[in-house]
Structures are given as structure tokens and as C-alpha cells.
Amino acid sequence: MIEVTKLNGENIIVNADHIESVEAQPDTALVLGNGKRIVIRNEVSDVVRKVIEYQRAIRMAPGPRVNTDPK
């Protein structure tokens, strides 16, 4: 999940996995997998950085512990 700011100043949380593309025309718009567009104040580079940080955090998170003790 990443936090972005809509044009009206409202902060929202978006599931980064649902972002299909990020457009700049001239405002930045997130295009989600369901076709919905969210116009935001954030720069494209800011969104890309946040998505990369999110993906890194997910990959670095410890997974479930599996008991390999055959007792």
C-alpha cells in the first residue's frame, strides 16, 4: 500500500499491486486494473519510488515459519 495525495489535498492509500500505469498529462493519474483513474498531486517519479519501496518491503518481509522438526 502507498499513500498519495488527491488534487483536493485528501491523502489516500492505494494498493500498489492494483496500479496498471501512471500517467502525467499534466496532472499525474493512477490507472488501476479495474479501469478506475485517480488524479493525484504526486509526481510520477514519487509514485514510482513509493511502489518500488513497497515492493522491496514485501520481498524483505519474513515469511511464515515452517516447523521442519520431524518430531
C-alpha atoms as a PDB file:
ATOM      1  CA  MET A   1       0.000   0.000   0.000  1.00  0.00           C
ATOM      2  CA  ILE A   2       1.218   3.506  -0.795  1.00  0.00           C
ATOM      3  CA  GLU A   3      -0.018   6.913   0.313  1.00  0.00           C
ATOM      4  CA  VAL A   4      -0.729   9.562  -2.326  1.00  0.00           C
ATOM      5  CA  THR A   5      -2.492  12.937  -2.284  1.00  0.00           C
ATOM      6  CA  LYS A   6      -5.528  13.690  -4.420  1.00  0.00           C
ATOM      7  CA  LEU A   7      -5.852  17.103  -6.073  1.00  0.00           C
ATOM      8  CA  ASN A   8      -8.223  18.255  -3.314  1.00  0.00           C
ATOM      9  CA  GLY A   9      -5.493  17.613  -0.697  1.00  0.00           C
ATOM     10  CA  GLU A  10      -7.013  14.389   0.635  1.00  0.00           C
ATOM     11  CA  ASN A  11      -4.447  11.682   1.437  1.00  0.00           C
ATOM     12  CA  ILE A  12      -5.476   8.214   0.303  1.00  0.00           C
ATOM     13  CA  ILE A  13      -3.932   4.770   0.483  1.00  0.00           C
ATOM     14  CA  VAL A  14      -3.748   2.800  -2.766  1.00  0.00           C
ATOM     15  CA  ASN A  15      -2.892  -0.857  -3.204  1.00  0.00           C
ATOM     16  CA  ALA A  16       0.287  -0.627  -5.295  1.00  0.00           C
ATOM     17  CA  ASP A  17      -0.405  -4.071  -6.774  1.00  0.00           C
ATOM     18  CA  HIS A  18      -3.536  -2.663  -8.440  1.00  0.00           C
ATOM     19  CA  ILE A  19      -1.742   0.123 -10.298  1.00  0.00           C
ATOM     20  CA  GLU A  20      -1.548  -0.693 -14.013  1.00  0.00           C
ATOM     21  CA  SER A  21       0.106   2.546 -15.120  1.00  0.00           C
ATOM     22  CA  VAL A  22       0.995   6.065 -14.035  1.00  0.00           C
ATOM     23  CA  GLU A  23       0.332   8.924 -16.458  1.00  0.00           C
ATOM     24  CA  ALA A  24       1.374  12.573 -16.453  1.00  0.00           C
ATOM     25  CA  GLN A  25      -0.975  14.747 -18.549  1.00  0.00           C
ATOM     26  CA  PRO A  26      -0.173  17.335 -16.973  1.00  0.00           C
ATOM     27  CA  ASP A  27      -1.559  16.079 -13.639  1.00  0.00           C
ATOM     28  CA  THR A  28      -0.452  12.639 -12.517  1.00  0.00           C
ATOM     29  CA  ALA A  29      -3.078   9.919 -12.846  1.00  0.00           C
ATOM     30  CA  LEU A  30      -3.006   6.384 -11.495  1.00  0.00           C
ATOM     31  CA  VAL A  31      -4.765   3.884 -13.739  1.00  0.00           C
ATOM     32  CA  LEU A  32      -5.924   0.869 -11.777  1.00  0.00           C
ATOM     33  CA  GLY A  33      -6.550  -2.653 -13.027  1.00  0.00           C
ATOM     34  CA  ASN A  34     -10.311  -2.122 -12.872  1.00  0.00           C
ATOM     35  CA  GLY A  35     -10.037   0.890 -15.217  1.00  0.00           C
ATOM     36  CA  LYS A  36     -10.549   3.495 -12.496  1.00  0.00           C
ATOM     37  CA  ARG A  37      -8.369   6.608 -12.733  1.00  0.00           C
ATOM     38  CA  ILE A  38      -7.240   8.590  -9.693  1.00  0.00           C
ATOM     39  CA  VAL A  39      -5.760  12.040 -10.344  1.00  0.00           C
ATOM     40  CA  ILE A  40      -3.152  12.949  -7.740  1.00  0.00           C
ATOM     41  CA  ARG A  41      -0.720  15.732  -6.786  1.00  0.00           C
ATOM     42  CA  ASN A  42       2.295  13.432  -6.548  1.00  0.00           C
ATOM     43  CA  GLU A  43       4.883  13.448  -9.327  1.00  0.00           C
ATOM     44  CA  VAL A  44       5.281  10.292 -11.426  1.00  0.00           C
ATOM     45  CA  SER A  45       8.786   9.771 -10.033  1.00  0.00           C
ATOM     46  CA  ASP A  46       7.400   9.966  -6.474  1.00  0.00           C
ATOM     47  CA  VAL A  47       4.804   7.278  -7.233  1.00  0.00           C
ATOM     48  CA  VAL A  48       7.421   5.039  -8.855  1.00  0.00           C
ATOM     49  CA  ARG A  49       9.710   5.447  -5.819  1.00  0.00           C
ATOM     50  CA  LYS A  50       6.881   4.588  -3.422  1.00  0.00           C
ATOM     51  CA  VAL A  51       5.889   1.492  -5.411  1.00  0.00           C
ATOM     52  CA  ILE A  52       9.498   0.285  -5.508  1.00  0.00           C
ATOM     53  CA  GLU A  53       9.836   0.825  -1.737  1.00  0.00           C
ATOM     54  CA  TYR A  54       6.569  -1.057  -1.173  1.00  0.00           C
ATOM     55  CA  GLN A  55       7.691  -3.976  -3.361  1.00  0.00           C
ATOM     56  CA  ARG A  56      11.064  -4.146  -1.589  1.00  0.00           C
ATOM     57  CA  ALA A  57       9.352  -4.163   1.806  1.00  0.00           C
ATOM     58  CA  ILE A  58       7.088  -7.017   0.712  1.00  0.00           C
ATOM     59  CA  ARG A  59      10.016  -9.074  -0.566  1.00  0.00           C
ATOM     60  CA  MET A  60      12.071  -8.415   2.584  1.00  0.00           C
ATOM     61  CA  ALA A  61       9.249  -9.268   4.997  1.00  0.00           C
ATOM     62  CA  PRO A  62       9.795 -12.547   6.825  1.00  0.00           C
ATOM     63  CA  GLY A  63       7.578 -15.331   5.582  1.00  0.00           C
ATOM     64  CA  PRO A  64       5.649 -17.775   7.723  1.00  0.00           C
ATOM     65  CA  ARG A  65       7.816 -20.010   9.854  1.00  0.00           C
ATOM     66  CA  VAL A  66       7.639 -23.657   8.880  1.00  0.00           C
ATOM     67  CA  ASN A  67       8.385 -26.258  11.517  1.00  0.00           C
ATOM     68  CA  THR A  68      10.874 -28.671   9.941  1.00  0.00           C
ATOM     69  CA  ASP A  69      11.430 -30.652  13.145  1.00  0.00           C
ATOM     70  CA  PRO A  70      10.252 -34.215  12.341  1.00  0.00           C
ATOM     71  CA  LYS A  71       9.191 -34.990  15.969  1.00  0.00           C
END
